[in-house]
Amino acid sequence: MRIFNKENVITSFSAKHKPSYSVNMGEIFQVETNDCYGGAITSPDQLRTEINIDYINPATGPIYINDLQKGETLCIDILDIQLDEYGVMVLYPGMGPLGDLVKQADTRIFHVSSGKVEFNEEIALPVKPMIGVIGVAPLEGEVFSESPGDHGGNMDTKQITTGNKLYLPVFHDGGLLALGDLHASMGDGELNGSGIEIGGKVTMSLSKSNLSIPMPIVETTDSFMFISSAKTFEEASNKGMEAVVHLFKKKLALSFNDSYRLLSAVCDLQISQIVNPLITVRVVVPKGIISNLF
């Protein structure tokens, strides 16, 4: 199995980036990743306000995917996520929705082992590995890796994890896949602007479909999740709901009105994150309604 090391990273998604690696369809490979600070913070004495880090969320890649064409859909099968031994959470005045209540900066380093995060002497959190940043080159321009979009990017969706599949629309030949920003644990919303940030290794394999999708979709054992990002919660929600209604019309031969009814009767609207440049939500479609996308 080939391993793509974390020395080659990008801090934005763009078709202008030259590939650092290439991979074949069906090949099982492993990608090493940095944490969102590129490994620059390793001690509680290092405060985010005193460290000059001119990047965020370095993503390993880009990876050129052979035989992947513009207009197709990339399927990423996440086989395993191995985390490093230590994770970090910084905090400083102004960070996150309650940042005005944070009076001083501090940094916590957490030991991660045996499936647990040692939060303090009384609290041990179960490790729930996830990929915060994963995407391909966007249709146009350059999107910094702190932001999500239809290309993927910083979706901070905790269901992008071992055992699930991520589908991404492909806007350029080869896709130019990149990933990073792993978390040992993160709740929906990423409410203070940080999960337990950590590096690690992601093992995956790739396949494709000739049919296109409008936005990233996560497949779990029991559902398809349409991952929608926009400037406001309302815009992100409406965008995701419209995509699902269109799916119902196409796959189930329903009218708009009945597709809209079905959306409301069976689908869930959930929040992935509220702290990035765009808000990310997911519209969850049970597999009892739609058993396959293509």
C-alpha atoms as a PDB file:
ATOM      1  CA  MET A   1       0.000   0.000   0.000  1.00  0.00           C
ATOM      2  CA  ARG A   2       1.361   3.391  -0.978  1.00  0.00           C
ATOM      3  CA  ILE A   3       1.571   6.171   1.616  1.00  0.00           C
ATOM      4  CA  PHE A   4       1.309   9.826   0.592  1.00  0.00           C
ATOM      5  CA  ASN A   5       3.238  11.845   3.159  1.00  0.00           C
ATOM      6  CA  LYS A   6       2.118  15.084   4.767  1.00  0.00           C
ATOM      7  CA  GLU A   7       5.057  17.130   3.520  1.00  0.00           C
ATOM      8  CA  ASN A   8       3.166  18.102   0.369  1.00  0.00           C
ATOM      9  CA  VAL A   9       0.177  20.275   1.275  1.00  0.00           C
ATOM     10  CA  ILE A  10      -2.060  22.979  -0.104  1.00  0.00           C
ATOM     11  CA  THR A  11      -3.889  25.674   1.838  1.00  0.00           C
ATOM     12  CA  SER A  12      -6.464  26.277  -0.878  1.00  0.00           C
ATOM     13  CA  PHE A  13      -8.359  24.206  -3.407  1.00  0.00           C
ATOM     14  CA  SER A  14      -7.771  25.242  -7.018  1.00  0.00           C
ATOM     15  CA  ALA A  15      -7.274  23.735 -10.460  1.00  0.00           C
ATOM     16  CA  LYS A  16      -4.041  25.754 -10.714  1.00  0.00           C
ATOM     17  CA  HIS A  17      -2.243  23.524  -8.194  1.00  0.00           C
ATOM     18  CA  LYS A  18       0.097  20.932  -9.651  1.00  0.00           C
ATOM     19  CA  PRO A  19      -0.490  17.364  -8.375  1.00  0.00           C
ATOM     20  CA  SER A  20       1.870  16.061  -5.716  1.00  0.00           C
ATOM     21  CA  TYR A  21       0.689  12.461  -6.095  1.00  0.00           C
ATOM     22  CA  SER A  22      -1.367  10.289  -8.434  1.00  0.00           C
ATOM     23  CA  VAL A  23      -3.518   7.245  -7.752  1.00  0.00           C
ATOM     24  CA  ASN A  24      -5.524   4.686  -9.709  1.00  0.00           C
ATOM     25  CA  MET A  25      -9.161   3.805  -9.317  1.00  0.00           C
ATOM     26  CA  GLY A  26      -9.645   0.918  -6.908  1.00  0.00           C
ATOM     27  CA  GLU A  27      -6.197   1.299  -5.376  1.00  0.00           C
ATOM     28  CA  ILE A  28      -6.014   1.212  -1.577  1.00  0.00           C
ATOM     29  CA  PHE A  29      -3.703   3.949  -0.327  1.00  0.00           C
ATOM     30  CA  GLN A  30      -2.968   5.941   2.805  1.00  0.00           C
ATOM     31  CA  VAL A  31      -2.724   9.713   3.266  1.00  0.00           C
ATOM     32  CA  GLU A  32      -0.781  11.262   6.162  1.00  0.00           C
ATOM     33  CA  THR A  33      -2.242  14.519   7.438  1.00  0.00           C
ATOM     34  CA  ASN A  34      -1.225  17.435   9.632  1.00  0.00           C
ATOM     35  CA  ASP A  35      -3.538  18.954  12.204  1.00  0.00           C
ATOM     36  CA  CYS A  36      -5.197  22.252  11.295  1.00  0.00           C
ATOM     37  CA  TYR A  37      -2.165  24.205  12.575  1.00  0.00           C
ATOM     38  CA  GLY A  38       0.365  22.144  10.652  1.00  0.00           C
ATOM     39  CA  GLY A  39       1.805  20.732  13.879  1.00  0.00           C
ATOM     40  CA  ALA A  40       2.946  24.192  15.040  1.00  0.00           C
ATOM     41  CA  ILE A  41       1.255  23.956  18.469  1.00  0.00           C
ATOM     42  CA  THR A  42       2.617  21.212  20.727  1.00  0.00           C
ATOM     43  CA  SER A  43       2.606  22.764  24.229  1.00  0.00           C
ATOM     44  CA  PRO A  44       0.096  24.495  26.537  1.00  0.00           C
ATOM     45  CA  ASP A  45       2.572  27.378  26.695  1.00  0.00           C
ATOM     46  CA  GLN A  46       1.973  28.163  23.040  1.00  0.00           C
ATOM     47  CA  LEU A  47      -0.955  30.574  22.745  1.00  0.00           C
ATOM     48  CA  ARG A  48      -2.654  31.087  19.399  1.00  0.00           C
ATOM     49  CA  THR A  49      -2.485  34.859  19.926  1.00  0.00           C
ATOM     50  CA  GLU A  50       1.312  34.709  20.210  1.00  0.00           C
ATOM     51  CA  ILE A  51       2.043  32.348  17.317  1.00  0.00           C
ATOM     52  CA  ASN A  52       2.261  33.590  13.757  1.00  0.00           C
ATOM     53  CA  ILE A  53       0.616  30.884  11.653  1.00  0.00           C
ATOM     54  CA  ASP A  54      -0.178  32.293   8.225  1.00  0.00           C
ATOM     55  CA  TYR A  55      -2.199  29.258   7.141  1.00  0.00           C
ATOM     56  CA  ILE A  56      -5.028  27.086   8.424  1.00  0.00           C
ATOM     57  CA  ASN A  57      -6.051  23.538   7.560  1.00  0.00           C
ATOM     58  CA  PRO A  58      -3.129  22.403   5.391  1.00  0.00           C
ATOM     59  CA  ALA A  59      -4.465  19.577   3.238  1.00  0.00           C
ATOM     60  CA  THR A  60      -2.222  16.805   1.936  1.00  0.00           C
ATOM     61  CA  GLY A  61      -2.161  16.738  -1.857  1.00  0.00           C
ATOM     62  CA  PRO A  62      -3.297  17.450  -4.451  1.00  0.00           C
ATOM     63  CA  ILE A  63      -3.763  13.863  -5.590  1.00  0.00           C
ATOM     64  CA  TYR A  64      -4.429  13.366  -9.301  1.00  0.00           C
ATOM     65  CA  ILE A  65      -6.880  10.508  -9.844  1.00  0.00           C
ATOM     66  CA  ASN A  66      -6.230   8.635 -13.068  1.00  0.00           C
ATOM     67  CA  ASP A  67      -9.236   7.998 -15.340  1.00  0.00           C
ATOM     68  CA  LEU A  68     -11.400  10.562 -13.509  1.00  0.00           C
ATOM     69  CA  GLN A  69     -13.071  13.054 -15.821  1.00  0.00           C
ATOM     70  CA  LYS A  70     -14.752  16.406 -15.389  1.00  0.00           C
ATOM     71  CA  GLY A  71     -18.509  15.988 -14.842  1.00  0.00           C
ATOM     72  CA  GLU A  72     -18.222  12.588 -13.152  1.00  0.00           C
ATOM     73  CA  THR A  73     -18.698  11.786  -9.459  1.00  0.00           C
ATOM     74  CA  LEU A  74     -15.835  10.649  -7.233  1.00  0.00           C
ATOM     75  CA  CYS A  75     -16.642   8.068  -4.547  1.00  0.00           C
ATOM     76  CA  ILE A  76     -14.233   7.923  -1.588  1.00  0.00           C
ATOM     77  CA  ASP A  77     -14.502   4.817   0.568  1.00  0.00           C
ATOM     78  CA  ILE A  78     -13.021   5.703   3.974  1.00  0.00           C
ATOM     79  CA  LEU A  79     -11.508   2.448   5.190  1.00  0.00           C
ATOM     80  CA  ASP A  80      -9.636   3.570   8.314  1.00  0.00           C
ATOM     81  CA  ILE A  81      -8.530   6.648  10.274  1.00  0.00           C
ATOM     82  CA  GLN A  82      -5.500   6.371  12.552  1.00  0.00           C
ATOM     83  CA  LEU A  83      -4.902   9.330  14.855  1.00  0.00           C
ATOM     84  CA  ASP A  84      -1.698  10.727  16.317  1.00  0.00           C
ATOM     85  CA  GLU A  85      -1.119  10.507  20.068  1.00  0.00           C
ATOM     86  CA  TYR A  86      -1.879  14.118  20.971  1.00  0.00           C
ATOM     87  CA  GLY A  87      -4.589  16.596  19.971  1.00  0.00           C
ATOM     88  CA  VAL A  88      -4.926  20.317  20.615  1.00  0.00           C
ATOM     89  CA  MET A  89      -7.666  22.866  21.305  1.00  0.00           C
ATOM     90  CA  VAL A  90      -6.806  26.551  21.473  1.00  0.00           C
ATOM     91  CA  LEU A  91      -9.058  29.334  22.719  1.00  0.00           C
ATOM     92  CA  TYR A  92      -8.693  33.111  22.629  1.00  0.00           C
ATOM     93  CA  PRO A  93     -10.898  36.209  23.032  1.00  0.00           C
ATOM     94  CA  GLY A  94     -13.222  36.527  20.047  1.00  0.00           C
ATOM     95  CA  MET A  95     -13.059  32.870  19.027  1.00  0.00           C
ATOM     96  CA  GLY A  96     -16.391  31.288  18.137  1.00  0.00           C
ATOM     97  CA  PRO A  97     -19.950  32.480  18.830  1.00  0.00           C
ATOM     98  CA  LEU A  98     -19.233  33.079  22.534  1.00  0.00           C
ATOM     99  CA  GLY A  99     -15.830  34.603  21.923  1.00  0.00           C
ATOM    100  CA  ASP A 100     -16.743  37.858  23.659  1.00  0.00           C
ATOM    101  CA  LEU A 101     -17.016  35.850  26.912  1.00  0.00           C
ATOM    102  CA  VAL A 102     -13.490  34.449  26.570  1.00  0.00           C
ATOM    103  CA  LYS A 103     -11.288  36.721  28.695  1.00  0.00           C
ATOM    104  CA  GLN A 104      -7.888  35.149  28.107  1.00  0.00           C
ATOM    105  CA  ALA A 105      -6.207  32.829  25.652  1.00  0.00           C
ATOM    106  CA  ASP A 106      -5.199  29.332  26.631  1.00  0.00           C
ATOM    107  CA  THR A 107      -4.159  26.058  24.981  1.00  0.00           C
ATOM    108  CA  ARG A 108      -4.992  22.485  25.946  1.00  0.00           C
ATOM    109  CA  ILE A 109      -3.069  19.431  24.752  1.00  0.00           C
ATOM    110  CA  PHE A 110      -4.988  16.141  25.019  1.00  0.00           C
ATOM    111  CA  HIS A 111      -3.574  12.630  25.173  1.00  0.00           C
ATOM    112  CA  VAL A 112      -5.380  10.300  22.769  1.00  0.00           C
ATOM    113  CA  SER A 113      -4.972   6.570  23.339  1.00  0.00           C
ATOM    114  CA  SER A 114      -6.904   3.334  23.785  1.00  0.00           C
ATOM    115  CA  GLY A 115      -9.980   4.856  22.194  1.00  0.00           C
ATOM    116  CA  LYS A 116     -10.189   7.694  24.728  1.00  0.00           C
ATOM    117  CA  VAL A 117      -9.382  11.398  24.946  1.00  0.00           C
ATOM    118  CA  GLU A 118      -8.180  12.378  28.414  1.00  0.00           C
ATOM    119  CA  PHE A 119     -10.100  15.646  28.859  1.00  0.00           C
ATOM    120  CA  ASN A 120      -9.265  15.887  32.565  1.00  0.00           C
ATOM    121  CA  GLU A 121      -8.913  13.552  35.565  1.00  0.00           C
ATOM    122  CA  GLU A 122     -12.670  12.999  35.735  1.00  0.00           C
ATOM    123  CA  ILE A 123     -13.707  13.133  32.080  1.00  0.00           C
ATOM    124  CA  ALA A 124     -12.618  10.730  29.339  1.00  0.00           C
ATOM    125  CA  LEU A 125     -14.200  11.222  25.924  1.00  0.00           C
ATOM    126  CA  PRO A 126     -14.668   8.410  23.410  1.00  0.00           C
ATOM    127  CA  VAL A 127     -12.498   8.890  20.345  1.00  0.00           C
ATOM    128  CA  LYS A 128     -14.628   9.582  17.263  1.00  0.00           C
ATOM    129  CA  PRO A 129     -12.216  10.167  14.361  1.00  0.00           C
ATOM    130  CA  MET A 130     -13.423  12.307  11.463  1.00  0.00           C
ATOM    131  CA  ILE A 131     -12.055  14.204   8.476  1.00  0.00           C
ATOM    132  CA  GLY A 132     -12.695  17.945   8.695  1.00  0.00           C
ATOM    133  CA  VAL A 133     -11.269  18.960   5.303  1.00  0.00           C
ATOM    134  CA  ILE A 134     -11.559  16.870   2.154  1.00  0.00           C
ATOM    135  CA  GLY A 135     -12.321  18.016  -1.352  1.00  0.00           C
ATOM    136  CA  VAL A 136     -11.396  18.473  -4.987  1.00  0.00           C
ATOM    137  CA  ALA A 137     -10.589  21.530  -7.090  1.00  0.00           C
ATOM    138  CA  PRO A 138     -13.652  23.818  -7.349  1.00  0.00           C
ATOM    139  CA  LEU A 139     -15.283  24.792 -10.609  1.00  0.00           C
ATOM    140  CA  GLU A 140     -13.741  28.259 -10.629  1.00  0.00           C
ATOM    141  CA  GLY A 141     -11.075  30.215  -8.845  1.00  0.00           C
ATOM    142  CA  GLU A 142      -9.422  29.428  -5.533  1.00  0.00           C
ATOM    143  CA  VAL A 143     -11.173  28.421  -2.293  1.00  0.00           C
ATOM    144  CA  PHE A 144      -9.084  28.539   0.865  1.00  0.00           C
ATOM    145  CA  SER A 145      -9.042  25.350   2.893  1.00  0.00           C
ATOM    146  CA  GLU A 146     -10.812  26.976   5.854  1.00  0.00           C
ATOM    147  CA  SER A 147     -13.983  27.249   3.751  1.00  0.00           C
ATOM    148  CA  PRO A 148     -16.460  24.603   2.505  1.00  0.00           C
ATOM    149  CA  GLY A 149     -18.327  24.505  -0.792  1.00  0.00           C
ATOM    150  CA  ASP A 150     -19.760  22.272  -3.489  1.00  0.00           C
ATOM    151  CA  HIS A 151     -16.222  20.950  -4.045  1.00  0.00           C
ATOM    152  CA  GLY A 152     -16.049  19.747  -0.405  1.00  0.00           C
ATOM    153  CA  GLY A 153     -13.324  21.493   1.590  1.00  0.00           C
ATOM    154  CA  ASN A 154     -13.798  22.383   5.262  1.00  0.00           C
ATOM    155  CA  MET A 155     -17.210  20.747   5.708  1.00  0.00           C
ATOM    156  CA  ASP A 156     -16.484  19.683   9.320  1.00  0.00           C
ATOM    157  CA  THR A 157     -19.082  16.928   9.056  1.00  0.00           C
ATOM    158  CA  LYS A 158     -18.565  14.220  11.651  1.00  0.00           C
ATOM    159  CA  GLN A 159     -20.099  11.511   9.442  1.00  0.00           C
ATOM    160  CA  ILE A 160     -17.063  11.760   7.127  1.00  0.00           C
ATOM    161  CA  THR A 161     -15.460   8.905   8.985  1.00  0.00           C
ATOM    162  CA  THR A 162     -14.416   5.261   8.880  1.00  0.00           C
ATOM    163  CA  GLY A 163     -16.939   2.955   7.235  1.00  0.00           C
ATOM    164  CA  ASN A 164     -18.755   5.685   5.315  1.00  0.00           C
ATOM    165  CA  LYS A 165     -18.451   6.897   1.736  1.00  0.00           C
ATOM    166  CA  LEU A 166     -18.096  10.450   0.499  1.00  0.00           C
ATOM    167  CA  TYR A 167     -19.270  11.427  -2.985  1.00  0.00           C
ATOM    168  CA  LEU A 168     -17.843  14.583  -4.558  1.00  0.00           C
ATOM    169  CA  PRO A 169     -18.735  16.299  -7.838  1.00  0.00           C
ATOM    170  CA  VAL A 170     -15.725  16.515 -10.165  1.00  0.00           C
ATOM    171  CA  PHE A 171     -15.087  19.855 -11.865  1.00  0.00           C
ATOM    172  CA  HIS A 172     -11.691  19.113 -13.480  1.00  0.00           C
ATOM    173  CA  ASP A 173     -10.006  16.042 -14.933  1.00  0.00           C
ATOM    174  CA  GLY A 174      -8.154  14.136 -12.207  1.00  0.00           C
ATOM    175  CA  GLY A 175     -10.174  15.805  -9.466  1.00  0.00           C
ATOM    176  CA  LEU A 176      -7.134  17.076  -7.501  1.00  0.00           C
ATOM    177  CA  LEU A 177      -8.143  15.520  -4.183  1.00  0.00           C
ATOM    178  CA  ALA A 178      -6.686  16.822  -0.900  1.00  0.00           C
ATOM    179  CA  LEU A 179      -7.501  16.238   2.769  1.00  0.00           C
ATOM    180  CA  GLY A 180      -6.531  17.135   6.328  1.00  0.00           C
ATOM    181  CA  ASP A 181      -7.889  18.703   9.532  1.00  0.00           C
ATOM    182  CA  LEU A 182      -8.688  15.467  11.373  1.00  0.00           C
ATOM    183  CA  HIS A 183     -10.507  15.563  14.699  1.00  0.00           C
ATOM    184  CA  ALA A 184     -10.397  13.071  17.563  1.00  0.00           C
ATOM    185  CA  SER A 185     -13.828  14.336  18.596  1.00  0.00           C
ATOM    186  CA  MET A 186     -16.178  17.116  17.475  1.00  0.00           C
ATOM    187  CA  GLY A 187     -19.839  17.807  18.134  1.00  0.00           C
ATOM    188  CA  ASP A 188     -22.291  19.019  15.519  1.00  0.00           C
ATOM    189  CA  GLY A 189     -21.749  22.724  14.900  1.00  0.00           C
ATOM    190  CA  GLU A 190     -18.091  22.758  16.018  1.00  0.00           C
ATOM    191  CA  LEU A 191     -19.486  25.240  18.486  1.00  0.00           C
ATOM    192  CA  ASN A 192     -16.403  27.123  19.662  1.00  0.00           C
ATOM    193  CA  GLY A 193     -14.626  26.904  16.313  1.00  0.00           C
ATOM    194  CA  SER A 194     -12.489  23.875  17.131  1.00  0.00           C
ATOM    195  CA  GLY A 195     -12.708  20.139  17.450  1.00  0.00           C
ATOM    196  CA  ILE A 196      -9.915  18.208  19.113  1.00  0.00           C
ATOM    197  CA  GLU A 197      -7.469  19.009  16.328  1.00  0.00           C
ATOM    198  CA  ILE A 198      -5.082  16.206  15.450  1.00  0.00           C
ATOM    199  CA  GLY A 199      -2.975  14.701  12.702  1.00  0.00           C
ATOM    200  CA  GLY A 200      -3.106  11.118  11.516  1.00  0.00           C
ATOM    201  CA  LYS A 201      -3.393   8.736   8.597  1.00  0.00           C
ATOM    202  CA  VAL A 202      -6.438   8.027   6.429  1.00  0.00           C
ATOM    203  CA  THR A 203      -6.725   4.813   4.418  1.00  0.00           C
ATOM    204  CA  MET A 204      -9.105   4.933   1.458  1.00  0.00           C
ATOM    205  CA  SER A 205      -9.989   3.641  -1.971  1.00  0.00           C
ATOM    206  CA  LEU A 206     -11.671   5.388  -4.887  1.00  0.00           C
ATOM    207  CA  SER A 207     -14.280   4.649  -7.511  1.00  0.00           C
ATOM    208  CA  LYS A 208     -16.443   6.792  -9.773  1.00  0.00           C
ATOM    209  CA  SER A 209     -19.818   7.196 -11.429  1.00  0.00           C
ATOM    210  CA  ASN A 210     -20.558   8.746 -14.812  1.00  0.00           C
ATOM    211  CA  LEU A 211     -23.561  10.529 -13.312  1.00  0.00           C
ATOM    212  CA  SER A 212     -23.140  13.923 -11.642  1.00  0.00           C
ATOM    213  CA  ILE A 213     -24.287  15.267  -8.267  1.00  0.00           C
ATOM    214  CA  PRO A 214     -24.865  18.903  -7.220  1.00  0.00           C
ATOM    215  CA  MET A 215     -22.941  18.847  -3.926  1.00  0.00           C
ATOM    216  CA  PRO A 216     -21.045  16.487  -1.604  1.00  0.00           C
ATOM    217  CA  ILE A 217     -23.022  13.504  -0.301  1.00  0.00           C
ATOM    218  CA  VAL A 218     -22.101  11.178   2.569  1.00  0.00           C
ATOM    219  CA  GLU A 219     -23.382   7.603   2.517  1.00  0.00           C
ATOM    220  CA  THR A 220     -23.792   5.817   5.863  1.00  0.00           C
ATOM    221  CA  THR A 221     -25.258   2.395   6.561  1.00  0.00           C
ATOM    222  CA  ASP A 222     -28.787   3.786   6.686  1.00  0.00           C
ATOM    223  CA  SER A 223     -28.860   7.141   4.883  1.00  0.00           C
ATOM    224  CA  PHE A 224     -27.580   9.569   2.284  1.00  0.00           C
ATOM    225  CA  MET A 225     -26.601  13.001   3.608  1.00  0.00           C
ATOM    226  CA  PHE A 226     -26.587  15.968   1.241  1.00  0.00           C
ATOM    227  CA  ILE A 227     -23.889  18.371   2.487  1.00  0.00           C
ATOM    228  CA  SER A 228     -24.860  21.954   1.687  1.00  0.00           C
ATOM    229  CA  SER A 229     -22.842  25.103   2.406  1.00  0.00           C
ATOM    230  CA  ALA A 230     -23.826  28.764   1.989  1.00  0.00           C
ATOM    231  CA  LYS A 231     -23.456  32.168   3.646  1.00  0.00           C
ATOM    232  CA  THR A 232     -26.514  31.769   5.876  1.00  0.00           C
ATOM    233  CA  PHE A 233     -28.304  28.871   7.547  1.00  0.00           C
ATOM    234  CA  GLU A 234     -31.416  29.572   5.477  1.00  0.00           C
ATOM    235  CA  GLU A 235     -29.515  29.586   2.188  1.00  0.00           C
ATOM    236  CA  ALA A 236     -27.639  26.383   3.037  1.00  0.00           C
ATOM    237  CA  SER A 237     -30.830  24.644   4.153  1.00  0.00           C
ATOM    238  CA  ASN A 238     -32.841  25.680   1.099  1.00  0.00           C
ATOM    239  CA  LYS A 239     -30.049  24.633  -1.237  1.00  0.00           C
ATOM    240  CA  GLY A 240     -29.810  21.157   0.306  1.00  0.00           C
ATOM    241  CA  MET A 241     -33.578  20.684   0.452  1.00  0.00           C
ATOM    242  CA  GLU A 242     -33.992  21.667  -3.188  1.00  0.00           C
ATOM    243  CA  ALA A 243     -31.371  19.091  -4.196  1.00  0.00           C
ATOM    244  CA  VAL A 244     -33.217  16.337  -2.313  1.00  0.00           C
ATOM    245  CA  VAL A 245     -36.598  17.326  -3.766  1.00  0.00           C
ATOM    246  CA  HIS A 246     -35.040  17.129  -7.234  1.00  0.00           C
ATOM    247  CA  LEU A 247     -33.705  13.647  -6.373  1.00  0.00           C
ATOM    248  CA  PHE A 248     -37.179  12.503  -5.290  1.00  0.00           C
ATOM    249  CA  LYS A 249     -38.730  13.825  -8.505  1.00  0.00           C
ATOM    250  CA  LYS A 250     -36.143  12.017 -10.614  1.00  0.00           C
ATOM    251  CA  LYS A 251     -35.815   8.706  -8.753  1.00  0.00           C
ATOM    252  CA  LEU A 252     -39.416   8.267  -7.561  1.00  0.00           C
ATOM    253  CA  ALA A 253     -41.270   9.924 -10.453  1.00  0.00           C
ATOM    254  CA  LEU A 254     -43.088  12.292  -8.079  1.00  0.00           C
ATOM    255  CA  SER A 255     -44.459  15.764  -8.676  1.00  0.00           C
ATOM    256  CA  PHE A 256     -42.751  18.716  -7.010  1.00  0.00           C
ATOM    257  CA  ASN A 257     -45.552  18.951  -4.443  1.00  0.00           C
ATOM    258  CA  ASP A 258     -45.338  15.284  -3.460  1.00  0.00           C
ATOM    259  CA  SER A 259     -41.522  15.397  -3.428  1.00  0.00           C
ATOM    260  CA  TYR A 260     -41.709  18.389  -1.097  1.00  0.00           C
ATOM    261  CA  ARG A 261     -44.202  16.531   1.116  1.00  0.00           C
ATOM    262  CA  LEU A 262     -41.934  13.471   1.260  1.00  0.00           C
ATOM    263  CA  LEU A 263     -38.971  15.673   2.194  1.00  0.00           C
ATOM    264  CA  SER A 264     -40.865  17.001   5.180  1.00  0.00           C
ATOM    265  CA  ALA A 265     -42.244  13.613   6.197  1.00  0.00           C
ATOM    266  CA  VAL A 266     -39.013  11.582   6.294  1.00  0.00           C
ATOM    267  CA  CYS A 267     -35.880  13.751   6.008  1.00  0.00           C
ATOM    268  CA  ASP A 268     -33.876  15.372   8.805  1.00  0.00           C
ATOM    269  CA  LEU A 269     -32.107  18.717   8.649  1.00  0.00           C
ATOM    270  CA  GLN A 270     -28.905  18.677  10.717  1.00  0.00           C
ATOM    271  CA  ILE A 271     -26.082  21.142  11.366  1.00  0.00           C
ATOM    272  CA  SER A 272     -22.481  20.243  10.538  1.00  0.00           C
ATOM    273  CA  GLN A 273     -20.746  23.526  11.423  1.00  0.00           C
ATOM    274  CA  ILE A 274     -21.594  27.184  12.096  1.00  0.00           C
ATOM    275  CA  VAL A 275     -18.086  28.656  12.475  1.00  0.00           C
ATOM    276  CA  ASN A 276     -16.464  28.589   9.025  1.00  0.00           C
ATOM    277  CA  PRO A 277     -16.758  31.286   6.322  1.00  0.00           C
ATOM    278  CA  LEU A 278     -19.851  29.405   5.070  1.00  0.00           C
ATOM    279  CA  ILE A 279     -22.446  27.537   7.172  1.00  0.00           C
ATOM    280  CA  THR A 280     -22.690  23.784   6.482  1.00  0.00           C
ATOM    281  CA  VAL A 281     -25.834  21.693   6.990  1.00  0.00           C
ATOM    282  CA  ARG A 282     -26.866  18.215   5.917  1.00  0.00           C
ATOM    283  CA  VAL A 283     -30.212  16.942   4.669  1.00  0.00           C
ATOM    284  CA  VAL A 284     -30.544  13.288   5.641  1.00  0.00           C
ATOM    285  CA  VAL A 285     -32.421  10.930   3.314  1.00  0.00           C
ATOM    286  CA  PRO A 286     -33.260   7.468   4.750  1.00  0.00           C
ATOM    287  CA  LYS A 287     -32.256   4.545   2.565  1.00  0.00           C
ATOM    288  CA  GLY A 288     -35.752   3.167   3.074  1.00  0.00           C
ATOM    289  CA  ILE A 289     -36.854   5.877   0.624  1.00  0.00           C
ATOM    290  CA  ILE A 290     -33.849   5.946  -1.733  1.00  0.00           C
ATOM    291  CA  SER A 291     -31.691   2.810  -1.746  1.00  0.00           C
ATOM    292  CA  ASN A 292     -29.069   4.080  -4.208  1.00  0.00           C
ATOM    293  CA  LEU A 293     -28.026   7.379  -5.749  1.00  0.00           C
ATOM    294  CA  PHE A 294     -27.160   6.249  -9.268  1.00  0.00           C
END
